[in-house]
Amino acid sequence: MEWTRKVRCIIATYASKLRKTAVDGQTIRLLPDGRIRGNAGMEPFSAGTLGGAPSVFYADGNVVSSGNGLSWLSAFKTLAEALLAAHTYMSTSGNRAWAQRATVYCCADNFTEDLTLFAEKSDVIGVGSTNQHTHTRVEGTHVLVATSTDTYHGCQFYNLEWYGAANGIIVDIPANQNGIGFHRCKWSAVDAATIGLRAVQSHDMHVVNCIFDPNTSGVGFSTAAIQINAGSVTNFLLENCRIWSAGIGLDFNPTAGQPINCWAINNDIYATGQTIDDESSDLIVTNNRTISGAAEGTGSAWTYSTAWSVGNISTGNNDTKNVPAND
């Protein structure tokens, strides 16, 4: 018994002197029986390191107050804080992050905030649910700040619900915000949203496996679900999306002659007006199934170049046609 008591005293005395991490980055923990273990009891999605600094961050809108964002137990309370941490990491040259990616995991009953900045070369992953929706909800009006350089490029979002909080545009991306991607995301048109996603002069934007939803109003976006507007656009991709709009489904309106390698592939679109309105005539439109409340035909149910399209089925309020038409 005396020997056991002395051992416990020694453990208690020196436990506080242990290094927190081993030389290989593993977390060091002292077990109750006196043994030392690396990465014992590590939680899922634990904070990783790239270049010697944390590159994984956590946001939980249900915590009482913000921590340092390096674990679920010390998560940031807002998504804006997590994005800033990821962006700060990526923009620090000393950690050799310029060719890496940061990761943000987030959950909340509801993040209620207006985002103005994304994060450079970062993956933002929703791992929660909101009510019956299997997405992490971000409620607000998100108008990104304009920049003169490609400062916040390469930000990719996964499994988030962009929930409108006021009239207008839910996510509004200005020029020089290139390489923005949305994967299995959802836009909910509430409070008279005019546009779900708008981007100006955007390059390498991907919108894949997403939903543009009228929510319980049954109305949808009054102007367009998606609007690609003004300037030059390259490598735009809209693929495998389900879109409901009270106006236009996809309003593709870059400067005429400027779009290069831009595609609308395999989407299901319902719109009161035009399902796809390509004013550039340079969008490649393939294998889409579209329903319009207008009369079938170009200029009413849709507008795009039949020379740049194949395998589309278009239904209007008077007819269903293949576009381009079969001979």
C-alpha atoms as a PDB file:
ATOM      1  CA  MET A   1       0.000   0.000   0.000  1.00  0.00           C
ATOM      2  CA  GLU A   2       2.817   2.409   0.876  1.00  0.00           C
ATOM      3  CA  TRP A   3       4.556   1.731  -2.430  1.00  0.00           C
ATOM      4  CA  THR A   4       1.300   2.358  -4.365  1.00  0.00           C
ATOM      5  CA  ARG A   5       0.756   5.648  -2.529  1.00  0.00           C
ATOM      6  CA  LYS A   6       4.285   6.809  -3.394  1.00  0.00           C
ATOM      7  CA  VAL A   7       3.801   5.942  -7.077  1.00  0.00           C
ATOM      8  CA  ARG A   8       0.559   7.931  -7.200  1.00  0.00           C
ATOM      9  CA  CYS A   9       2.269  10.893  -5.595  1.00  0.00           C
ATOM     10  CA  ILE A  10       5.042  10.744  -8.199  1.00  0.00           C
ATOM     11  CA  ILE A  11       2.446  10.597 -11.010  1.00  0.00           C
ATOM     12  CA  ALA A  12       0.545  13.551  -9.565  1.00  0.00           C
ATOM     13  CA  THR A  13       3.740  15.555  -9.170  1.00  0.00           C
ATOM     14  CA  TYR A  14       5.031  15.088 -12.701  1.00  0.00           C
ATOM     15  CA  ALA A  15       1.805  14.818 -14.741  1.00  0.00           C
ATOM     16  CA  SER A  16       1.701  18.567 -15.211  1.00  0.00           C
ATOM     17  CA  LYS A  17       5.239  18.485 -16.644  1.00  0.00           C
ATOM     18  CA  LEU A  18       4.352  16.243 -19.586  1.00  0.00           C
ATOM     19  CA  ARG A  19       4.648  17.657 -23.081  1.00  0.00           C
ATOM     20  CA  LYS A  20       1.233  18.196 -24.643  1.00  0.00           C
ATOM     21  CA  THR A  21       2.326  16.755 -27.964  1.00  0.00           C
ATOM     22  CA  ALA A  22       4.967  14.318 -29.108  1.00  0.00           C
ATOM     23  CA  VAL A  23       7.511  15.167 -31.807  1.00  0.00           C
ATOM     24  CA  ASP A  24       5.288  13.486 -34.415  1.00  0.00           C
ATOM     25  CA  GLY A  25       2.325  15.674 -33.479  1.00  0.00           C
ATOM     26  CA  GLN A  26       0.415  13.058 -31.479  1.00  0.00           C
ATOM     27  CA  THR A  27      -1.432  14.217 -28.370  1.00  0.00           C
ATOM     28  CA  ILE A  28       0.108  12.862 -25.158  1.00  0.00           C
ATOM     29  CA  ARG A  29      -2.241  11.725 -22.392  1.00  0.00           C
ATOM     30  CA  LEU A  30      -1.600  10.200 -18.969  1.00  0.00           C
ATOM     31  CA  LEU A  31      -3.904   7.252 -18.295  1.00  0.00           C
ATOM     32  CA  PRO A  32      -5.274   6.535 -14.790  1.00  0.00           C
ATOM     33  CA  ASP A  33      -2.948   3.534 -14.334  1.00  0.00           C
ATOM     34  CA  GLY A  34       0.120   5.681 -14.952  1.00  0.00           C
ATOM     35  CA  ARG A  35       0.738   4.670 -18.563  1.00  0.00           C
ATOM     36  CA  ILE A  36       1.342   7.266 -21.264  1.00  0.00           C
ATOM     37  CA  ARG A  37      -0.446   7.035 -24.581  1.00  0.00           C
ATOM     38  CA  GLY A  38      -0.363   9.071 -27.783  1.00  0.00           C
ATOM     39  CA  ASN A  39      -3.715  10.133 -29.256  1.00  0.00           C
ATOM     40  CA  ALA A  40      -5.675   8.322 -26.529  1.00  0.00           C
ATOM     41  CA  GLY A  41      -9.366   9.001 -26.800  1.00  0.00           C
ATOM     42  CA  MET A  42      -8.981  11.412 -29.686  1.00  0.00           C
ATOM     43  CA  GLU A  43     -12.292  12.758 -30.894  1.00  0.00           C
ATOM     44  CA  PRO A  44     -13.464  12.525 -34.520  1.00  0.00           C
ATOM     45  CA  PHE A  45     -12.292  15.300 -36.836  1.00  0.00           C
ATOM     46  CA  SER A  46      -9.534  16.257 -34.406  1.00  0.00           C
ATOM     47  CA  ALA A  47      -7.526  19.342 -35.231  1.00  0.00           C
ATOM     48  CA  GLY A  48      -4.777  18.537 -37.693  1.00  0.00           C
ATOM     49  CA  THR A  49      -1.597  20.394 -38.420  1.00  0.00           C
ATOM     50  CA  LEU A  50      -0.030  21.414 -41.671  1.00  0.00           C
ATOM     51  CA  GLY A  51       3.237  23.255 -41.611  1.00  0.00           C
ATOM     52  CA  GLY A  52       3.288  23.117 -37.801  1.00  0.00           C
ATOM     53  CA  ALA A  53       0.047  25.106 -37.258  1.00  0.00           C
ATOM     54  CA  PRO A  54      -3.587  24.028 -36.806  1.00  0.00           C
ATOM     55  CA  SER A  55      -5.364  23.703 -40.143  1.00  0.00           C
ATOM     56  CA  VAL A  56      -8.690  22.259 -38.941  1.00  0.00           C
ATOM     57  CA  PHE A  57     -11.233  24.472 -37.178  1.00  0.00           C
ATOM     58  CA  TYR A  58     -14.649  23.943 -35.587  1.00  0.00           C
ATOM     59  CA  ALA A  59     -17.759  26.113 -35.307  1.00  0.00           C
ATOM     60  CA  ASP A  60     -20.799  25.217 -33.195  1.00  0.00           C
ATOM     61  CA  GLY A  61     -23.596  27.766 -33.063  1.00  0.00           C
ATOM     62  CA  ASN A  62     -25.001  26.126 -29.925  1.00  0.00           C
ATOM     63  CA  VAL A  63     -22.050  26.822 -27.615  1.00  0.00           C
ATOM     64  CA  VAL A  64     -22.436  29.567 -25.016  1.00  0.00           C
ATOM     65  CA  SER A  65     -19.309  31.448 -26.053  1.00  0.00           C
ATOM     66  CA  SER A  66     -16.425  31.054 -28.471  1.00  0.00           C
ATOM     67  CA  GLY A  67     -13.304  29.055 -27.718  1.00  0.00           C
ATOM     68  CA  ASN A  68     -10.153  28.809 -29.789  1.00  0.00           C
ATOM     69  CA  GLY A  69     -11.879  26.763 -32.498  1.00  0.00           C
ATOM     70  CA  LEU A  70      -9.430  23.831 -32.349  1.00  0.00           C
ATOM     71  CA  SER A  71     -11.886  21.154 -31.164  1.00  0.00           C
ATOM     72  CA  TRP A  72     -15.605  20.638 -30.646  1.00  0.00           C
ATOM     73  CA  LEU A  73     -15.103  21.278 -26.921  1.00  0.00           C
ATOM     74  CA  SER A  74     -13.642  24.716 -27.675  1.00  0.00           C
ATOM     75  CA  ALA A  75     -15.483  25.538 -30.898  1.00  0.00           C
ATOM     76  CA  PHE A  76     -16.070  28.985 -32.319  1.00  0.00           C
ATOM     77  CA  LYS A  77     -19.637  30.194 -31.842  1.00  0.00           C
ATOM     78  CA  THR A  78     -19.920  31.793 -35.283  1.00  0.00           C
ATOM     79  CA  LEU A  79     -19.081  30.607 -38.760  1.00  0.00           C
ATOM     80  CA  ALA A  80     -17.453  33.980 -39.490  1.00  0.00           C
ATOM     81  CA  GLU A  81     -14.846  33.341 -36.775  1.00  0.00           C
ATOM     82  CA  ALA A  82     -14.036  29.918 -38.209  1.00  0.00           C
ATOM     83  CA  LEU A  83     -13.712  31.299 -41.734  1.00  0.00           C
ATOM     84  CA  LEU A  84     -11.387  34.023 -40.501  1.00  0.00           C
ATOM     85  CA  ALA A  85      -9.220  31.461 -38.681  1.00  0.00           C
ATOM     86  CA  ALA A  86      -8.998  29.271 -41.786  1.00  0.00           C
ATOM     87  CA  HIS A  87      -8.239  32.250 -44.011  1.00  0.00           C
ATOM     88  CA  THR A  88      -5.570  33.525 -41.611  1.00  0.00           C
ATOM     89  CA  TYR A  89      -3.911  30.125 -41.638  1.00  0.00           C
ATOM     90  CA  MET A  90      -3.946  29.911 -45.423  1.00  0.00           C
ATOM     91  CA  SER A  91      -2.571  33.418 -45.903  1.00  0.00           C
ATOM     92  CA  THR A  92       0.400  32.930 -43.576  1.00  0.00           C
ATOM     93  CA  SER A  93       3.461  32.173 -45.689  1.00  0.00           C
ATOM     94  CA  GLY A  94       5.546  30.955 -42.746  1.00  0.00           C
ATOM     95  CA  ASN A  95       3.520  27.738 -42.382  1.00  0.00           C
ATOM     96  CA  ARG A  96       3.941  26.818 -46.092  1.00  0.00           C
ATOM     97  CA  ALA A  97       0.154  26.804 -46.509  1.00  0.00           C
ATOM     98  CA  TRP A  98       0.008  28.252 -50.011  1.00  0.00           C
ATOM     99  CA  ALA A  99      -0.448  24.802 -51.611  1.00  0.00           C
ATOM    100  CA  GLN A 100      -2.544  23.285 -48.815  1.00  0.00           C
ATOM    101  CA  ARG A 101      -6.182  23.511 -47.721  1.00  0.00           C
ATOM    102  CA  ALA A 102      -7.708  24.380 -44.378  1.00  0.00           C
ATOM    103  CA  THR A 103     -10.891  22.685 -43.142  1.00  0.00           C
ATOM    104  CA  VAL A 104     -13.828  24.057 -41.155  1.00  0.00           C
ATOM    105  CA  TYR A 105     -16.372  21.659 -39.622  1.00  0.00           C
ATOM    106  CA  CYS A 106     -19.575  23.352 -38.511  1.00  0.00           C
ATOM    107  CA  CYS A 107     -22.924  22.559 -36.909  1.00  0.00           C
ATOM    108  CA  ALA A 108     -25.723  24.565 -35.326  1.00  0.00           C
ATOM    109  CA  ASP A 109     -29.448  24.604 -34.951  1.00  0.00           C
ATOM    110  CA  ASN A 110     -28.994  27.813 -36.904  1.00  0.00           C
ATOM    111  CA  PHE A 111     -26.078  30.164 -37.573  1.00  0.00           C
ATOM    112  CA  THR A 112     -27.778  33.573 -37.715  1.00  0.00           C
ATOM    113  CA  GLU A 113     -25.208  35.917 -39.214  1.00  0.00           C
ATOM    114  CA  ASP A 114     -24.425  37.852 -42.373  1.00  0.00           C
ATOM    115  CA  LEU A 115     -21.159  36.639 -43.862  1.00  0.00           C
ATOM    116  CA  THR A 116     -19.016  39.180 -45.713  1.00  0.00           C
ATOM    117  CA  LEU A 117     -15.831  37.129 -46.139  1.00  0.00           C
ATOM    118  CA  PHE A 118     -15.097  33.556 -47.153  1.00  0.00           C
ATOM    119  CA  ALA A 119     -11.734  31.794 -46.627  1.00  0.00           C
ATOM    120  CA  GLU A 120      -8.941  31.167 -49.100  1.00  0.00           C
ATOM    121  CA  LYS A 121      -8.417  27.544 -50.193  1.00  0.00           C
ATOM    122  CA  SER A 122     -10.645  26.129 -47.456  1.00  0.00           C
ATOM    123  CA  ASP A 123     -13.262  23.380 -47.233  1.00  0.00           C
ATOM    124  CA  VAL A 124     -16.299  24.324 -45.112  1.00  0.00           C
ATOM    125  CA  ILE A 125     -18.254  21.206 -44.185  1.00  0.00           C
ATOM    126  CA  GLY A 126     -21.644  21.154 -42.482  1.00  0.00           C
ATOM    127  CA  VAL A 127     -21.961  18.137 -40.207  1.00  0.00           C
ATOM    128  CA  GLY A 128     -25.274  18.971 -38.542  1.00  0.00           C
ATOM    129  CA  SER A 129     -29.010  19.167 -39.201  1.00  0.00           C
ATOM    130  CA  THR A 130     -31.632  21.888 -38.804  1.00  0.00           C
ATOM    131  CA  ASN A 131     -35.150  20.727 -38.044  1.00  0.00           C
ATOM    132  CA  GLN A 132     -36.134  18.294 -40.806  1.00  0.00           C
ATOM    133  CA  HIS A 133     -33.368  19.553 -43.104  1.00  0.00           C
ATOM    134  CA  THR A 134     -30.201  17.467 -43.270  1.00  0.00           C
ATOM    135  CA  HIS A 135     -27.952  20.502 -43.638  1.00  0.00           C
ATOM    136  CA  THR A 136     -26.235  22.985 -41.367  1.00  0.00           C
ATOM    137  CA  ARG A 137     -28.284  26.177 -41.746  1.00  0.00           C
ATOM    138  CA  VAL A 138     -26.770  29.621 -42.207  1.00  0.00           C
ATOM    139  CA  GLU A 139     -29.506  32.228 -42.010  1.00  0.00           C
ATOM    140  CA  GLY A 140     -28.734  35.674 -43.329  1.00  0.00           C
ATOM    141  CA  THR A 141     -27.925  37.859 -46.315  1.00  0.00           C
ATOM    142  CA  HIS A 142     -24.360  37.204 -47.402  1.00  0.00           C
ATOM    143  CA  VAL A 143     -22.862  39.999 -49.479  1.00  0.00           C
ATOM    144  CA  LEU A 144     -19.131  39.471 -49.866  1.00  0.00           C
ATOM    145  CA  VAL A 145     -16.823  42.454 -49.784  1.00  0.00           C
ATOM    146  CA  ALA A 146     -15.385  43.533 -53.112  1.00  0.00           C
ATOM    147  CA  THR A 147     -11.639  43.116 -53.576  1.00  0.00           C
ATOM    148  CA  SER A 148      -9.268  44.172 -56.307  1.00  0.00           C
ATOM    149  CA  THR A 149      -7.382  40.865 -56.206  1.00  0.00           C
ATOM    150  CA  ASP A 150      -8.266  37.171 -56.007  1.00  0.00           C
ATOM    151  CA  THR A 151      -8.017  37.196 -52.197  1.00  0.00           C
ATOM    152  CA  TYR A 152     -10.559  34.621 -51.065  1.00  0.00           C
ATOM    153  CA  HIS A 153     -10.292  32.159 -53.916  1.00  0.00           C
ATOM    154  CA  GLY A 154     -10.814  28.413 -53.742  1.00  0.00           C
ATOM    155  CA  CYS A 155     -13.376  28.251 -50.906  1.00  0.00           C
ATOM    156  CA  GLN A 156     -15.588  25.148 -51.148  1.00  0.00           C
ATOM    157  CA  PHE A 157     -18.826  24.592 -49.176  1.00  0.00           C
ATOM    158  CA  TYR A 158     -20.395  21.213 -48.426  1.00  0.00           C
ATOM    159  CA  ASN A 159     -23.812  20.389 -46.931  1.00  0.00           C
ATOM    160  CA  LEU A 160     -24.862  23.910 -45.913  1.00  0.00           C
ATOM    161  CA  GLU A 161     -28.345  25.401 -46.164  1.00  0.00           C
ATOM    162  CA  TRP A 162     -28.297  29.060 -47.230  1.00  0.00           C
ATOM    163  CA  TYR A 163     -31.515  30.341 -45.682  1.00  0.00           C
ATOM    164  CA  GLY A 164     -32.793  33.765 -46.716  1.00  0.00           C
ATOM    165  CA  ALA A 165     -33.377  36.235 -43.901  1.00  0.00           C
ATOM    166  CA  ALA A 166     -34.542  39.288 -45.855  1.00  0.00           C
ATOM    167  CA  ASN A 167     -35.617  40.483 -49.274  1.00  0.00           C
ATOM    168  CA  GLY A 168     -32.890  40.362 -51.892  1.00  0.00           C
ATOM    169  CA  ILE A 169     -29.971  38.075 -52.729  1.00  0.00           C
ATOM    170  CA  ILE A 170     -29.013  35.296 -50.314  1.00  0.00           C
ATOM    171  CA  VAL A 171     -25.376  34.773 -51.463  1.00  0.00           C
ATOM    172  CA  ASP A 172     -23.845  37.598 -53.509  1.00  0.00           C
ATOM    173  CA  ILE A 173     -20.276  37.076 -54.776  1.00  0.00           C
ATOM    174  CA  PRO A 174     -18.443  40.011 -56.424  1.00  0.00           C
ATOM    175  CA  ALA A 175     -15.636  39.917 -58.967  1.00  0.00           C
ATOM    176  CA  ASN A 176     -12.231  38.473 -58.030  1.00  0.00           C
ATOM    177  CA  GLN A 177     -13.732  35.766 -55.812  1.00  0.00           C
ATOM    178  CA  ASN A 178     -12.763  32.847 -58.013  1.00  0.00           C
ATOM    179  CA  GLY A 179     -12.838  29.094 -57.506  1.00  0.00           C
ATOM    180  CA  ILE A 180     -15.883  29.169 -55.206  1.00  0.00           C
ATOM    181  CA  GLY A 181     -17.724  25.845 -55.008  1.00  0.00           C
ATOM    182  CA  PHE A 182     -20.986  24.592 -53.532  1.00  0.00           C
ATOM    183  CA  HIS A 183     -21.574  20.840 -53.122  1.00  0.00           C
ATOM    184  CA  ARG A 184     -24.795  19.269 -51.790  1.00  0.00           C
ATOM    185  CA  CYS A 185     -25.868  22.688 -50.545  1.00  0.00           C
ATOM    186  CA  LYS A 186     -29.369  24.114 -50.385  1.00  0.00           C
ATOM    187  CA  TRP A 187     -30.831  27.586 -50.945  1.00  0.00           C
ATOM    188  CA  SER A 188     -34.175  28.236 -49.245  1.00  0.00           C
ATOM    189  CA  ALA A 189     -36.205  31.107 -50.725  1.00  0.00           C
ATOM    190  CA  VAL A 190     -37.972  32.718 -47.776  1.00  0.00           C
ATOM    191  CA  ASP A 191     -38.794  36.362 -47.013  1.00  0.00           C
ATOM    192  CA  ALA A 192     -39.195  37.227 -50.698  1.00  0.00           C
ATOM    193  CA  ALA A 193     -35.685  36.304 -51.802  1.00  0.00           C
ATOM    194  CA  THR A 194     -35.021  37.632 -55.290  1.00  0.00           C
ATOM    195  CA  ILE A 195     -31.907  35.566 -56.145  1.00  0.00           C
ATOM    196  CA  GLY A 196     -30.405  32.528 -54.421  1.00  0.00           C
ATOM    197  CA  LEU A 197     -26.841  32.770 -55.739  1.00  0.00           C
ATOM    198  CA  ARG A 198     -25.371  35.633 -57.745  1.00  0.00           C
ATOM    199  CA  ALA A 199     -21.783  35.847 -58.981  1.00  0.00           C
ATOM    200  CA  VAL A 200     -20.140  38.608 -61.017  1.00  0.00           C
ATOM    201  CA  GLN A 201     -17.203  37.795 -63.300  1.00  0.00           C
ATOM    202  CA  SER A 202     -16.611  34.467 -61.596  1.00  0.00           C
ATOM    203  CA  HIS A 203     -14.089  31.908 -62.778  1.00  0.00           C
ATOM    204  CA  ASP A 204     -14.016  28.207 -61.834  1.00  0.00           C
ATOM    205  CA  MET A 205     -17.308  28.264 -59.936  1.00  0.00           C
ATOM    206  CA  HIS A 206     -18.895  24.833 -59.417  1.00  0.00           C
ATOM    207  CA  VAL A 207     -22.476  24.307 -58.179  1.00  0.00           C
ATOM    208  CA  VAL A 208     -22.957  20.541 -57.933  1.00  0.00           C
ATOM    209  CA  ASN A 209     -25.717  18.339 -56.428  1.00  0.00           C
ATOM    210  CA  CYS A 210     -27.458  21.388 -54.938  1.00  0.00           C
ATOM    211  CA  ILE A 211     -31.117  22.315 -54.339  1.00  0.00           C
ATOM    212  CA  PHE A 212     -32.777  25.692 -54.889  1.00  0.00           C
ATOM    213  CA  ASP A 213     -35.929  25.381 -52.832  1.00  0.00           C
ATOM    214  CA  PRO A 214     -39.084  27.523 -52.518  1.00  0.00           C
ATOM    215  CA  ASN A 215     -39.287  26.394 -48.891  1.00  0.00           C
ATOM    216  CA  THR A 216     -42.802  26.338 -47.439  1.00  0.00           C
ATOM    217  CA  SER A 217     -43.849  29.463 -49.352  1.00  0.00           C
ATOM    218  CA  GLY A 218     -44.101  27.489 -52.581  1.00  0.00           C
ATOM    219  CA  VAL A 219     -43.069  30.611 -54.483  1.00  0.00           C
ATOM    220  CA  GLY A 220     -39.339  30.508 -55.075  1.00  0.00           C
ATOM    221  CA  PHE A 221     -36.869  33.139 -56.209  1.00  0.00           C
ATOM    222  CA  SER A 222     -38.644  36.048 -57.860  1.00  0.00           C
ATOM    223  CA  THR A 223     -35.770  37.050 -60.195  1.00  0.00           C
ATOM    224  CA  ALA A 224     -33.626  33.929 -60.651  1.00  0.00           C
ATOM    225  CA  ALA A 225     -32.404  30.998 -58.602  1.00  0.00           C
ATOM    226  CA  ILE A 226     -28.872  31.516 -60.002  1.00  0.00           C
ATOM    227  CA  GLN A 227     -27.541  34.571 -61.784  1.00  0.00           C
ATOM    228  CA  ILE A 228     -24.091  34.688 -63.382  1.00  0.00           C
ATOM    229  CA  ASN A 229     -23.755  38.320 -64.260  1.00  0.00           C
ATOM    230  CA  ALA A 230     -21.385  40.568 -66.242  1.00  0.00           C
ATOM    231  CA  GLY A 231     -17.756  40.316 -67.189  1.00  0.00           C
ATOM    232  CA  SER A 232     -15.798  37.285 -68.343  1.00  0.00           C
ATOM    233  CA  VAL A 233     -16.615  33.813 -67.007  1.00  0.00           C
ATOM    234  CA  THR A 234     -14.592  30.627 -67.431  1.00  0.00           C
ATOM    235  CA  ASN A 235     -15.058  27.035 -66.254  1.00  0.00           C
ATOM    236  CA  PHE A 236     -18.504  27.548 -64.724  1.00  0.00           C
ATOM    237  CA  LEU A 237     -20.313  24.278 -63.914  1.00  0.00           C
ATOM    238  CA  LEU A 238     -23.931  23.713 -62.873  1.00  0.00           C
ATOM    239  CA  GLU A 239     -24.470  19.956 -62.541  1.00  0.00           C
ATOM    240  CA  ASN A 240     -27.026  17.572 -61.034  1.00  0.00           C
ATOM    241  CA  CYS A 241     -29.015  20.338 -59.336  1.00  0.00           C
ATOM    242  CA  ARG A 242     -32.743  20.643 -58.608  1.00  0.00           C
ATOM    243  CA  ILE A 243     -34.026  24.175 -59.090  1.00  0.00           C
ATOM    244  CA  TRP A 244     -37.407  25.818 -58.433  1.00  0.00           C
ATOM    245  CA  SER A 245     -37.792  29.495 -59.341  1.00  0.00           C
ATOM    246  CA  ALA A 246     -40.642  31.966 -59.595  1.00  0.00           C
ATOM    247  CA  GLY A 247     -38.554  33.831 -62.172  1.00  0.00           C
ATOM    248  CA  ILE A 248     -35.673  32.340 -64.185  1.00  0.00           C
ATOM    249  CA  GLY A 249     -33.911  29.120 -63.236  1.00  0.00           C
ATOM    250  CA  LEU A 250     -30.367  29.899 -64.455  1.00  0.00           C
ATOM    251  CA  ASP A 251     -29.823  33.463 -65.682  1.00  0.00           C
ATOM    252  CA  PHE A 252     -26.465  33.257 -67.461  1.00  0.00           C
ATOM    253  CA  ASN A 253     -25.502  36.748 -68.526  1.00  0.00           C
ATOM    254  CA  PRO A 254     -21.740  37.303 -68.814  1.00  0.00           C
ATOM    255  CA  THR A 255     -20.278  39.620 -71.414  1.00  0.00           C
ATOM    256  CA  ALA A 256     -21.128  38.296 -74.871  1.00  0.00           C
ATOM    257  CA  GLY A 257     -18.392  36.133 -76.346  1.00  0.00           C
ATOM    258  CA  GLN A 258     -16.530  35.814 -73.046  1.00  0.00           C
ATOM    259  CA  PRO A 259     -17.717  32.484 -71.548  1.00  0.00           C
ATOM    260  CA  ILE A 260     -15.201  29.675 -71.988  1.00  0.00           C
ATOM    261  CA  ASN A 261     -15.851  26.051 -70.996  1.00  0.00           C
ATOM    262  CA  CYS A 262     -19.110  26.784 -69.150  1.00  0.00           C
ATOM    263  CA  TRP A 263     -21.623  23.965 -68.682  1.00  0.00           C
ATOM    264  CA  ALA A 264     -25.155  23.219 -67.466  1.00  0.00           C
ATOM    265  CA  ILE A 265     -25.335  19.434 -67.202  1.00  0.00           C
ATOM    266  CA  ASN A 266     -28.055  17.028 -66.031  1.00  0.00           C
ATOM    267  CA  ASN A 267     -30.178  19.481 -64.020  1.00  0.00           C
ATOM    268  CA  ASP A 268     -33.911  19.387 -63.232  1.00  0.00           C
ATOM    269  CA  ILE A 269     -35.355  22.905 -63.412  1.00  0.00           C
ATOM    270  CA  TYR A 270     -38.840  24.320 -62.860  1.00  0.00           C
ATOM    271  CA  ALA A 271     -39.345  28.043 -63.512  1.00  0.00           C
ATOM    272  CA  THR A 272     -42.360  30.245 -63.967  1.00  0.00           C
ATOM    273  CA  GLY A 273     -40.472  31.965 -66.780  1.00  0.00           C
ATOM    274  CA  GLN A 274     -37.384  30.747 -68.613  1.00  0.00           C
ATOM    275  CA  THR A 275     -35.666  27.690 -67.193  1.00  0.00           C
ATOM    276  CA  ILE A 276     -32.265  28.610 -68.693  1.00  0.00           C
ATOM    277  CA  ASP A 277     -31.665  32.077 -70.103  1.00  0.00           C
ATOM    278  CA  ASP A 278     -28.229  32.185 -71.741  1.00  0.00           C
ATOM    279  CA  GLU A 279     -27.774  35.645 -73.183  1.00  0.00           C
ATOM    280  CA  SER A 280     -24.216  34.882 -74.271  1.00  0.00           C
ATOM    281  CA  SER A 281     -25.155  31.898 -76.482  1.00  0.00           C
ATOM    282  CA  ASP A 282     -21.909  30.249 -75.336  1.00  0.00           C
ATOM    283  CA  LEU A 283     -23.176  28.047 -72.485  1.00  0.00           C
ATOM    284  CA  ILE A 284     -22.989  24.303 -73.213  1.00  0.00           C
ATOM    285  CA  VAL A 285     -26.379  22.831 -72.217  1.00  0.00           C
ATOM    286  CA  THR A 286     -26.608  19.030 -72.054  1.00  0.00           C
ATOM    287  CA  ASN A 287     -29.095  16.463 -70.730  1.00  0.00           C
ATOM    288  CA  ASN A 288     -31.267  18.861 -68.714  1.00  0.00           C
ATOM    289  CA  ARG A 289     -34.946  18.276 -67.939  1.00  0.00           C
ATOM    290  CA  THR A 290     -36.840  21.535 -67.642  1.00  0.00           C
ATOM    291  CA  ILE A 291     -40.423  22.641 -66.959  1.00  0.00           C
ATOM    292  CA  SER A 292     -41.621  26.165 -67.619  1.00  0.00           C
ATOM    293  CA  GLY A 293     -44.875  27.936 -66.860  1.00  0.00           C
ATOM    294  CA  ALA A 294     -44.493  29.754 -70.187  1.00  0.00           C
ATOM    295  CA  ALA A 295     -45.270  28.548 -73.683  1.00  0.00           C
ATOM    296  CA  GLU A 296     -42.755  26.065 -75.044  1.00  0.00           C
ATOM    297  CA  GLY A 297     -40.022  27.493 -77.266  1.00  0.00           C
ATOM    298  CA  THR A 298     -36.991  29.720 -77.284  1.00  0.00           C
ATOM    299  CA  GLY A 299     -37.508  33.165 -75.761  1.00  0.00           C
ATOM    300  CA  SER A 300     -40.374  31.932 -73.592  1.00  0.00           C
ATOM    301  CA  ALA A 301     -39.529  28.625 -71.900  1.00  0.00           C
ATOM    302  CA  TRP A 302     -35.791  28.871 -72.525  1.00  0.00           C
ATOM    303  CA  THR A 303     -33.039  30.777 -74.365  1.00  0.00           C
ATOM    304  CA  TYR A 304     -29.761  29.103 -75.290  1.00  0.00           C
ATOM    305  CA  SER A 305     -27.908  28.113 -78.426  1.00  0.00           C
ATOM    306  CA  THR A 306     -29.145  24.851 -79.915  1.00  0.00           C
ATOM    307  CA  ALA A 307     -25.743  24.561 -81.589  1.00  0.00           C
ATOM    308  CA  TRP A 308     -24.230  24.299 -78.083  1.00  0.00           C
ATOM    309  CA  SER A 309     -26.808  21.895 -76.659  1.00  0.00           C
ATOM    310  CA  VAL A 310     -27.682  18.213 -76.802  1.00  0.00           C
ATOM    311  CA  GLY A 311     -30.127  15.806 -75.145  1.00  0.00           C
ATOM    312  CA  ASN A 312     -32.412  18.309 -73.354  1.00  0.00           C
ATOM    313  CA  ILE A 313     -36.133  17.841 -72.707  1.00  0.00           C
ATOM    314  CA  SER A 314     -38.220  20.996 -72.296  1.00  0.00           C
ATOM    315  CA  THR A 315     -41.854  21.209 -71.219  1.00  0.00           C
ATOM    316  CA  GLY A 316     -43.923  24.396 -71.428  1.00  0.00           C
ATOM    317  CA  ASN A 317     -47.562  25.072 -70.699  1.00  0.00           C
ATOM    318  CA  ASN A 318     -48.497  23.905 -74.187  1.00  0.00           C
ATOM    319  CA  ASP A 319     -46.029  21.243 -75.334  1.00  0.00           C
ATOM    320  CA  THR A 320     -42.969  19.098 -74.603  1.00  0.00           C
ATOM    321  CA  LYS A 321     -40.008  19.178 -76.956  1.00  0.00           C
ATOM    322  CA  ASN A 322     -36.498  17.847 -77.358  1.00  0.00           C
ATOM    323  CA  VAL A 323     -33.852  20.578 -77.539  1.00  0.00           C
ATOM    324  CA  PRO A 324     -32.359  20.604 -80.055  1.00  0.00           C
ATOM    325  CA  ALA A 325     -35.282  19.074 -81.901  1.00  0.00           C
ATOM    326  CA  ASN A 326     -34.876  15.622 -83.410  1.00  0.00           C
ATOM    327  CA  ASP A 327     -35.243  15.476 -87.175  1.00  0.00           C
END
